[in-house]
Structures are given as C-alpha cells and as structure tokens.
Amino acid sequence: MTSLDEGWVRMSLVAAENPELWAFLGQLRRGVTLTGTVASIESFGVFVALDDGPGHPVYPGVGFITYPELSWSHFEAGSDVVQVGQRVSCEFLQFDTWNGEARLSLRATQPDPFQAFADGITAGRTLRGRVTKVLPFAVFVAVGAGVEGCVPLRELGAAPGVPPEDVVRVGEEISVTVKEIDRERRRLTLSRRSV
C-alpha cells in the first residue's frame, strides 16, 4: 500500500512483529516510575533495559533517556551522569511509536536545583561562582550545586571589543550580581558590572 504514510506503515510493521512490546508500551501512563539497568550510553542518549516488559528486538533496551532528560546539571557526556550496568529509576514520559521504545526521564525523579536556588535568591544579590564556560557572547558561572547563570557579554564589564577570554578564564572564581531569575525557562542572568 504505497498511499499510506511511510511512518505509519513502519509503525504497523513494528506492532505486528512485536505485539508483546507494543502492548506493554501502550499500557504505560505518563508519570509512572520504571526501573531498570543502563544498557548502553550513546552520543544521542542512554538505553535502559527495563525490569518489566519484553526486550527490544533491535535496541539494547526498551527504555530511552535523551540527554536533556538525564540530569538537571550540565554535562559533557552521558557517562558523566550514569554508567553501563547502573540501576536507575526513571519517570515514563511517552511511548515513542516510531522507535517502539519508552521515553524516560531520570531528572524528573530528582528535585530541580534551580527552583530550590531561586526560592532563596533575589535580584540584586551578589554571589561568588566558578566560571564553567567562556563563549564569544557570554560567560557561564556555576553559582550553586547544579545551578549555572549566564553573564552576557554586555554585562561582563569589559571594554568594548575585548574578548571574554581576555577577561575571565574557565575555573576562575568571580563575583557576580543576580540581574534576573526566570523560573519558567530556568535561566539566571548575572552581571559583573555592578559588583
């Protein structure tokens, strides 16, 4: 049947070839906690072999965690957060019908450090932090456990035309002032101009 959408045909074939997997994934509801073992860490996410349900016919695990759902903190590689063989408890987000897998969130099972930080801070407060990243347009500063803020180039306090890497270095401790806290987008804007 060439008139059907290619994705729909693929989905139907996966469902027909793996009815137990399809039935298991179809009965899961958002927010349910699933446990399993980290089966593989890839450049695009982490596969989890779930304790319950059938195995996946192709992937190393039925569960899959995308990098944004792995941790509240910034990290370079999945192995900075989890290890192959590690036991994990994750929140079920959705049934990925294209890949026949359970999309999971590890970070949803942990408190959001940004919200806790934002509860105890106000704009205008001066903080000490460690520079974690220097980019052409901004500097990122760790100001709490799992909390980074952005110092835009205009707030760095440097003379016009001076690149940020000539002002601060990664690992350097600096003082910054809180300019804005955006809870919804989890963004913290900082300044060195008024320190």
Protein backbone atom coordinates (compact mmCIF):
# COMPACT_ATOMS: atom_id res chain seq x y z
CA MET A 1 0.00 0.00 0.00
CA THR A 2 2.08 2.89 -1.25
CA SER A 3 -0.58 5.51 -0.49
CA LEU A 4 -0.08 5.16 3.26
CA ASP A 5 2.38 7.36 5.09
CA GLU A 6 5.76 5.60 5.35
CA GLY A 7 5.93 6.18 9.12
CA TRP A 8 2.50 4.63 9.61
CA VAL A 9 3.49 1.55 7.62
CA ARG A 10 6.65 1.18 9.72
CA MET A 11 4.71 1.59 12.95
CA SER A 12 2.21 -1.05 11.88
CA LEU A 13 5.00 -3.48 10.98
CA VAL A 14 6.75 -2.99 14.34
CA ALA A 15 3.44 -3.51 16.16
CA ALA A 16 2.67 -6.63 14.14
CA GLU A 17 6.14 -8.13 14.63
CA ASN A 18 6.33 -7.36 18.38
CA PRO A 19 2.80 -7.44 19.84
CA GLU A 20 4.03 -8.04 23.43
CA LEU A 21 6.31 -4.99 23.29
CA TRP A 22 3.58 -2.86 21.74
CA ALA A 23 1.02 -3.96 24.35
CA PHE A 24 3.47 -3.29 27.21
CA LEU A 25 4.36 0.20 25.98
CA GLY A 26 0.75 1.03 25.15
CA GLN A 27 -0.44 0.41 28.71
CA LEU A 28 2.14 2.72 30.33
CA ARG A 29 0.92 6.11 31.59
CA ARG A 30 2.90 9.33 31.89
CA GLY A 31 4.42 9.77 35.33
CA VAL A 32 4.77 6.06 36.16
CA THR A 33 8.16 5.13 37.65
CA LEU A 34 10.05 2.40 35.78
CA THR A 35 13.25 0.74 36.97
CA GLY A 36 16.00 -0.91 35.01
CA THR A 37 19.68 -1.11 34.21
CA VAL A 38 21.67 1.21 31.96
CA ALA A 39 22.37 -0.98 28.92
CA SER A 40 24.21 1.42 26.62
CA ILE A 41 25.41 5.03 26.56
CA GLU A 42 25.37 6.59 23.09
CA SER A 43 26.15 10.09 21.79
CA PHE A 44 22.39 10.74 21.43
CA GLY A 45 21.09 9.25 24.70
CA VAL A 46 21.01 6.31 27.09
CA PHE A 47 19.29 2.95 26.60
CA VAL A 48 17.78 1.29 29.69
CA ALA A 49 16.91 -2.41 29.93
CA LEU A 50 13.66 -2.26 31.92
CA ASP A 51 12.95 -4.74 34.72
CA ASP A 52 9.39 -5.26 33.46
CA GLY A 53 8.16 -5.96 29.96
CA PRO A 54 9.75 -7.61 26.95
CA GLY A 55 13.11 -6.75 25.44
CA HIS A 56 13.50 -4.64 22.33
CA PRO A 57 14.16 -6.52 19.06
CA VAL A 58 16.82 -4.03 17.90
CA TYR A 59 17.96 -1.68 20.67
CA PRO A 60 19.88 -2.68 23.83
CA GLY A 61 16.92 -1.56 25.96
CA VAL A 62 13.23 -0.69 25.69
CA GLY A 63 13.74 2.46 27.75
CA PHE A 64 15.49 5.51 26.30
CA ILE A 65 16.63 8.72 28.01
CA THR A 66 17.51 11.71 25.82
CA TYR A 67 20.37 13.84 27.14
CA PRO A 68 18.15 16.76 28.25
CA GLU A 69 16.19 14.29 30.44
CA LEU A 70 19.29 12.74 32.01
CA SER A 71 20.20 15.44 34.55
CA TRP A 72 19.33 18.94 35.71
CA SER A 73 23.04 19.80 35.60
CA HIS A 74 25.12 20.47 32.50
CA PHE A 75 27.41 17.61 31.47
CA GLU A 76 29.69 16.74 28.56
CA ALA A 77 28.95 13.02 28.14
CA GLY A 78 26.28 10.59 29.34
CA SER A 79 28.99 8.72 31.26
CA ASP A 80 29.37 11.84 33.45
CA VAL A 81 25.89 11.04 34.83
CA VAL A 82 25.38 7.25 34.57
CA GLN A 83 27.44 4.13 33.90
CA VAL A 84 26.61 0.96 31.96
CA GLY A 85 25.26 -1.56 34.48
CA GLN A 86 23.98 1.12 36.87
CA ARG A 87 20.47 0.66 38.29
CA VAL A 88 18.12 3.59 37.62
CA SER A 89 14.55 4.61 38.42
CA CYS A 90 13.01 6.86 35.78
CA GLU A 91 9.71 8.57 35.07
CA PHE A 92 7.86 7.42 31.94
CA LEU A 93 7.25 10.34 29.58
CA GLN A 94 5.76 8.83 26.42
CA PHE A 95 5.52 5.84 24.10
CA ASP A 96 7.78 6.52 21.11
CA THR A 97 5.78 4.72 18.41
CA TRP A 98 8.42 5.40 15.74
CA ASN A 99 11.18 3.51 17.58
CA GLY A 100 8.99 1.27 19.72
CA GLU A 101 10.51 2.43 22.99
CA ALA A 102 9.62 4.08 26.29
CA ARG A 103 10.91 7.66 26.53
CA LEU A 104 12.13 8.16 30.09
CA SER A 105 13.36 10.95 32.35
CA LEU A 106 15.95 10.42 35.06
CA ARG A 107 15.97 14.09 36.05
CA ALA A 108 12.20 14.08 36.71
CA THR A 109 12.86 11.78 39.67
CA GLN A 110 15.19 14.34 41.26
CA PRO A 111 14.44 17.76 42.74
CA ASP A 112 15.18 20.67 40.42
CA PRO A 113 18.16 22.50 41.97
CA PHE A 114 17.31 25.67 40.04
CA GLN A 115 13.90 26.04 41.68
CA ALA A 116 15.35 25.47 45.16
CA PHE A 117 18.07 28.03 44.40
CA ALA A 118 15.52 30.55 43.06
CA ASP A 119 13.47 30.19 46.27
CA GLY A 120 16.36 31.62 48.30
CA ILE A 121 17.69 34.33 45.99
CA THR A 122 16.59 37.77 44.80
CA ALA A 123 17.70 40.12 42.03
CA GLY A 124 20.48 42.42 43.19
CA ARG A 125 22.21 39.86 45.38
CA THR A 126 25.96 39.35 44.93
CA LEU A 127 27.28 35.79 44.68
CA ARG A 128 30.61 34.03 44.20
CA GLY A 129 30.88 31.44 41.47
CA ARG A 130 33.24 29.46 39.26
CA VAL A 131 33.47 30.17 35.51
CA THR A 132 32.45 26.99 33.66
CA LYS A 133 32.37 28.14 30.04
CA VAL A 134 33.59 31.15 28.05
CA LEU A 135 31.85 31.81 24.73
CA PRO A 136 32.14 34.78 22.32
CA PHE A 137 28.78 36.16 23.51
CA ALA A 138 28.65 35.18 27.21
CA VAL A 139 30.31 33.59 30.21
CA PHE A 140 28.65 30.83 32.26
CA VAL A 141 29.19 30.72 36.01
CA ALA A 142 28.31 27.93 38.49
CA VAL A 143 26.75 29.68 41.49
CA GLY A 144 25.26 26.69 43.30
CA ALA A 145 25.00 22.91 43.15
CA GLY A 146 23.58 22.20 39.69
CA VAL A 147 22.91 25.90 39.01
CA GLU A 148 24.65 27.95 36.34
CA GLY A 149 24.00 31.52 35.37
CA CYS A 150 24.82 33.47 32.23
CA VAL A 151 26.82 36.70 32.16
CA PRO A 152 26.04 38.23 28.75
CA LEU A 153 28.99 39.97 27.08
CA ARG A 154 27.49 43.43 27.76
CA GLU A 155 27.35 42.57 31.50
CA LEU A 156 30.94 41.32 31.71
CA GLY A 157 32.29 44.78 32.49
CA ALA A 158 34.99 44.68 29.83
CA ALA A 159 35.88 47.49 27.43
CA PRO A 160 34.15 47.26 24.03
CA GLY A 161 35.94 44.91 21.65
CA VAL A 162 37.75 42.98 24.40
CA PRO A 163 37.02 39.26 24.00
CA PRO A 164 35.61 37.50 27.09
CA GLU A 165 38.55 35.06 27.27
CA ASP A 166 40.79 38.09 27.95
CA VAL A 167 38.61 39.00 30.95
CA VAL A 168 37.96 35.66 32.71
CA ARG A 169 39.17 32.06 32.45
CA VAL A 170 37.40 28.72 32.94
CA GLY A 171 37.84 27.65 36.57
CA GLU A 172 38.30 31.20 37.86
CA GLU A 173 36.26 32.27 40.91
CA ILE A 174 34.43 35.56 40.32
CA SER A 175 31.81 37.75 42.00
CA VAL A 176 28.56 38.36 40.13
CA THR A 177 25.27 40.12 40.79
CA VAL A 178 21.90 38.49 40.07
CA LYS A 179 20.11 40.56 37.42
CA GLU A 180 17.15 38.33 36.58
CA ILE A 181 15.66 34.98 37.61
CA ASP A 182 13.40 33.32 35.02
CA ARG A 183 11.86 30.31 36.80
CA GLU A 184 9.81 29.14 33.82
CA ARG A 185 12.78 28.92 31.44
CA ARG A 186 15.22 28.05 34.26
CA ARG A 187 17.52 30.95 33.38
CA LEU A 188 19.66 33.06 35.64
CA THR A 189 21.10 36.28 34.22
CA LEU A 190 24.16 37.62 36.02
CA SER A 191 26.32 40.75 35.82
CA ARG A 192 29.86 41.77 36.74
CA ARG A 193 29.23 45.45 36.01
CA SER A 194 27.70 46.27 39.38
CA VAL A 195 29.95 44.13 41.59
